[in-house]
Amino acid sequence: MDSDTVNLDATGLRCPLPVLRARKALRTVEPGGKLAVRTTDPAAPADFEAFCREAGHEFLGVADDGDARVVTVRKGA
């Protein structure tokens, strides 16, 4: 991860909690900064894509991380 990336562990949480926790964590991220959310919820990538479209953030992608996935979002203005 980049040093300018805020990390959030949302493993074990189910929809909608990973997105809700991410929304709260994004308050601490400067516009243009990144948030990486580690999640085990299989629906999380689709949930984050929809959240980003609605909230004006950029969905940067999903990476596998063992038994979890890491969803990365760039905060909009």
N, C-alpha and C. Protein backbone atom coordinates (compact mmCIF):
# COMPACT_ATOMS: atom_id res chain seq x y z
N MET A 1 0.83 -1.20 0.00
CA MET A 1 0.00 0.00 0.00
C MET A 1 0.87 1.25 0.00
N ASP A 2 0.34 2.29 -0.59
CA ASP A 2 1.01 3.58 -0.57
C ASP A 2 0.96 4.17 0.83
N SER A 3 1.91 5.03 1.13
CA SER A 3 1.91 5.66 2.44
C SER A 3 0.77 6.65 2.59
N ASP A 4 0.20 7.11 1.46
CA ASP A 4 -0.93 8.04 1.53
C ASP A 4 -2.27 7.33 1.53
N THR A 5 -2.25 6.02 1.69
CA THR A 5 -3.47 5.23 1.70
C THR A 5 -3.90 4.95 3.14
N VAL A 6 -5.17 5.23 3.42
CA VAL A 6 -5.75 4.89 4.73
C VAL A 6 -6.30 3.47 4.61
N ASN A 7 -5.99 2.62 5.57
CA ASN A 7 -6.44 1.23 5.55
C ASN A 7 -7.56 1.02 6.55
N LEU A 8 -8.54 0.23 6.12
CA LEU A 8 -9.69 -0.09 6.96
C LEU A 8 -9.92 -1.60 6.91
N ASP A 9 -9.99 -2.23 8.07
CA ASP A 9 -10.27 -3.66 8.15
C ASP A 9 -11.76 -3.85 8.39
N ALA A 10 -12.46 -4.37 7.39
CA ALA A 10 -13.89 -4.63 7.51
C ALA A 10 -14.17 -6.13 7.36
N THR A 11 -13.17 -6.96 7.68
CA THR A 11 -13.36 -8.40 7.57
C THR A 11 -14.40 -8.85 8.58
N GLY A 12 -15.21 -9.82 8.17
CA GLY A 12 -16.25 -10.36 9.03
C GLY A 12 -17.53 -9.56 9.02
N LEU A 13 -17.53 -8.40 8.38
CA LEU A 13 -18.73 -7.57 8.32
C LEU A 13 -19.48 -7.83 7.02
N ARG A 14 -20.80 -7.78 7.09
CA ARG A 14 -21.65 -8.01 5.92
C ARG A 14 -22.31 -6.72 5.50
N CYS A 15 -22.74 -6.69 4.26
CA CYS A 15 -23.45 -5.55 3.69
C CYS A 15 -24.57 -5.12 4.64
N PRO A 16 -24.68 -3.84 4.88
CA PRO A 16 -24.01 -2.69 4.29
C PRO A 16 -22.84 -2.17 5.13
N LEU A 17 -22.43 -2.90 6.16
CA LEU A 17 -21.44 -2.38 7.11
C LEU A 17 -20.09 -2.00 6.49
N PRO A 18 -19.51 -2.78 5.56
CA PRO A 18 -18.23 -2.33 5.00
C PRO A 18 -18.33 -0.95 4.34
N VAL A 19 -19.39 -0.71 3.59
CA VAL A 19 -19.56 0.60 2.94
C VAL A 19 -19.82 1.69 3.97
N LEU A 20 -20.61 1.40 4.97
CA LEU A 20 -20.89 2.40 6.01
C LEU A 20 -19.62 2.77 6.77
N ARG A 21 -18.81 1.79 7.09
CA ARG A 21 -17.54 2.07 7.78
C ARG A 21 -16.59 2.86 6.86
N ALA A 22 -16.61 2.52 5.58
CA ALA A 22 -15.76 3.23 4.62
C ALA A 22 -16.20 4.68 4.50
N ARG A 23 -17.50 4.92 4.45
CA ARG A 23 -18.00 6.30 4.36
C ARG A 23 -17.49 7.12 5.54
N LYS A 24 -17.53 6.52 6.72
CA LYS A 24 -17.04 7.22 7.92
C LYS A 24 -15.52 7.45 7.84
N ALA A 25 -14.78 6.43 7.40
CA ALA A 25 -13.32 6.54 7.31
C ALA A 25 -12.91 7.58 6.26
N LEU A 26 -13.70 7.72 5.21
CA LEU A 26 -13.35 8.69 4.16
C LEU A 26 -13.37 10.13 4.68
N ARG A 27 -14.02 10.38 5.78
CA ARG A 27 -14.02 11.72 6.37
C ARG A 27 -12.61 12.14 6.77
N THR A 28 -11.74 11.17 7.04
CA THR A 28 -10.37 11.47 7.47
C THR A 28 -9.40 11.54 6.30
N VAL A 29 -9.88 11.27 5.09
CA VAL A 29 -9.03 11.22 3.91
C VAL A 29 -9.18 12.54 3.13
N GLU A 30 -8.05 13.10 2.73
CA GLU A 30 -8.07 14.32 1.92
C GLU A 30 -8.59 13.99 0.52
N PRO A 31 -9.24 14.96 -0.16
CA PRO A 31 -9.66 14.71 -1.54
C PRO A 31 -8.46 14.27 -2.39
N GLY A 32 -8.65 13.22 -3.17
CA GLY A 32 -7.58 12.65 -3.97
C GLY A 32 -6.83 11.54 -3.25
N GLY A 33 -7.03 11.43 -1.93
CA GLY A 33 -6.40 10.36 -1.16
C GLY A 33 -7.11 9.04 -1.36
N LYS A 34 -6.48 7.97 -0.91
CA LYS A 34 -7.03 6.63 -1.12
C LYS A 34 -7.41 5.95 0.19
N LEU A 35 -8.44 5.13 0.08
CA LEU A 35 -8.88 4.27 1.18
C LEU A 35 -8.87 2.84 0.67
N ALA A 36 -8.21 1.94 1.39
CA ALA A 36 -8.17 0.52 1.05
C ALA A 36 -8.95 -0.22 2.13
N VAL A 37 -9.98 -0.93 1.72
CA VAL A 37 -10.86 -1.63 2.64
C VAL A 37 -10.68 -3.13 2.45
N ARG A 38 -10.24 -3.81 3.51
CA ARG A 38 -10.09 -5.27 3.47
C ARG A 38 -11.40 -5.87 3.94
N THR A 39 -12.00 -6.71 3.09
CA THR A 39 -13.33 -7.24 3.39
C THR A 39 -13.45 -8.71 2.98
N THR A 40 -14.30 -9.44 3.68
CA THR A 40 -14.60 -10.82 3.34
C THR A 40 -16.01 -10.97 2.79
N ASP A 41 -16.75 -9.88 2.68
CA ASP A 41 -18.11 -9.91 2.14
C ASP A 41 -18.03 -10.05 0.62
N PRO A 42 -18.57 -11.14 0.04
CA PRO A 42 -18.47 -11.34 -1.40
C PRO A 42 -19.21 -10.26 -2.20
N ALA A 43 -20.18 -9.59 -1.61
CA ALA A 43 -20.92 -8.55 -2.32
C ALA A 43 -20.23 -7.18 -2.26
N ALA A 44 -19.19 -7.06 -1.48
CA ALA A 44 -18.56 -5.76 -1.25
C ALA A 44 -18.07 -5.07 -2.52
N PRO A 45 -17.40 -5.75 -3.45
CA PRO A 45 -16.93 -5.02 -4.64
C PRO A 45 -18.07 -4.32 -5.38
N ALA A 46 -19.17 -5.00 -5.61
CA ALA A 46 -20.32 -4.38 -6.29
C ALA A 46 -20.90 -3.25 -5.45
N ASP A 47 -20.96 -3.46 -4.14
CA ASP A 47 -21.48 -2.41 -3.25
C ASP A 47 -20.60 -1.16 -3.33
N PHE A 48 -19.29 -1.34 -3.35
CA PHE A 48 -18.38 -0.20 -3.41
C PHE A 48 -18.44 0.51 -4.76
N GLU A 49 -18.62 -0.25 -5.84
CA GLU A 49 -18.77 0.39 -7.15
C GLU A 49 -19.99 1.31 -7.15
N ALA A 50 -21.12 0.82 -6.63
CA ALA A 50 -22.34 1.62 -6.56
C ALA A 50 -22.15 2.83 -5.64
N PHE A 51 -21.53 2.61 -4.48
CA PHE A 51 -21.28 3.70 -3.54
C PHE A 51 -20.45 4.80 -4.19
N CYS A 52 -19.40 4.41 -4.91
CA CYS A 52 -18.52 5.40 -5.55
C CYS A 52 -19.27 6.20 -6.61
N ARG A 53 -20.08 5.53 -7.42
CA ARG A 53 -20.88 6.23 -8.43
C ARG A 53 -21.79 7.27 -7.79
N GLU A 54 -22.44 6.89 -6.70
CA GLU A 54 -23.40 7.76 -6.04
C GLU A 54 -22.75 8.88 -5.24
N ALA A 55 -21.58 8.62 -4.67
CA ALA A 55 -20.95 9.59 -3.76
C ALA A 55 -19.85 10.43 -4.42
N GLY A 56 -19.53 10.14 -5.69
CA GLY A 56 -18.53 10.95 -6.38
C GLY A 56 -17.09 10.56 -6.12
N HIS A 57 -16.88 9.32 -5.68
CA HIS A 57 -15.53 8.81 -5.47
C HIS A 57 -15.14 7.94 -6.66
N GLU A 58 -13.85 7.63 -6.78
CA GLU A 58 -13.38 6.79 -7.87
C GLU A 58 -13.09 5.38 -7.35
N PHE A 59 -13.73 4.39 -7.95
CA PHE A 59 -13.49 2.99 -7.62
C PHE A 59 -12.23 2.57 -8.35
N LEU A 60 -11.16 2.26 -7.60
CA LEU A 60 -9.88 1.94 -8.20
C LEU A 60 -9.68 0.45 -8.47
N GLY A 61 -10.48 -0.40 -7.83
CA GLY A 61 -10.38 -1.83 -8.10
C GLY A 61 -10.37 -2.69 -6.87
N VAL A 62 -10.22 -3.98 -7.15
CA VAL A 62 -10.25 -5.01 -6.11
C VAL A 62 -9.05 -5.92 -6.29
N ALA A 63 -8.41 -6.28 -5.20
CA ALA A 63 -7.29 -7.23 -5.24
C ALA A 63 -7.54 -8.33 -4.22
N ASP A 64 -7.22 -9.56 -4.60
CA ASP A 64 -7.33 -10.67 -3.67
C ASP A 64 -6.23 -10.57 -2.63
N ASP A 65 -6.57 -10.91 -1.39
CA ASP A 65 -5.61 -10.89 -0.28
C ASP A 65 -5.92 -12.07 0.63
N GLY A 66 -5.44 -13.23 0.23
CA GLY A 66 -5.72 -14.44 1.00
C GLY A 66 -7.20 -14.76 0.93
N ASP A 67 -7.84 -14.86 2.08
CA ASP A 67 -9.27 -15.18 2.14
C ASP A 67 -10.14 -13.92 2.06
N ALA A 68 -9.54 -12.80 1.78
CA ALA A 68 -10.28 -11.52 1.72
C ALA A 68 -9.99 -10.82 0.40
N ARG A 69 -10.67 -9.71 0.22
CA ARG A 69 -10.42 -8.83 -0.93
C ARG A 69 -10.13 -7.45 -0.39
N VAL A 70 -9.31 -6.71 -1.12
CA VAL A 70 -9.04 -5.31 -0.76
C VAL A 70 -9.62 -4.43 -1.85
N VAL A 71 -10.59 -3.61 -1.46
CA VAL A 71 -11.24 -2.67 -2.36
C VAL A 71 -10.57 -1.32 -2.14
N THR A 72 -10.14 -0.67 -3.23
CA THR A 72 -9.48 0.62 -3.11
C THR A 72 -10.31 1.70 -3.78
N VAL A 73 -10.46 2.82 -3.06
CA VAL A 73 -11.28 3.94 -3.48
C VAL A 73 -10.45 5.21 -3.39
N ARG A 74 -10.58 6.10 -4.40
CA ARG A 74 -9.95 7.41 -4.33
C ARG A 74 -11.06 8.42 -3.99
N LYS A 75 -10.84 9.20 -2.94
CA LYS A 75 -11.84 10.16 -2.49
C LYS A 75 -12.00 11.28 -3.51
N GLY A 76 -13.25 11.59 -3.82
CA GLY A 76 -13.57 12.69 -4.72
C GLY A 76 -13.46 14.03 -3.99
N ALA A 77 -13.73 15.07 -4.73
CA ALA A 77 -13.63 16.44 -4.18
C ALA A 77 -14.63 16.70 -3.08
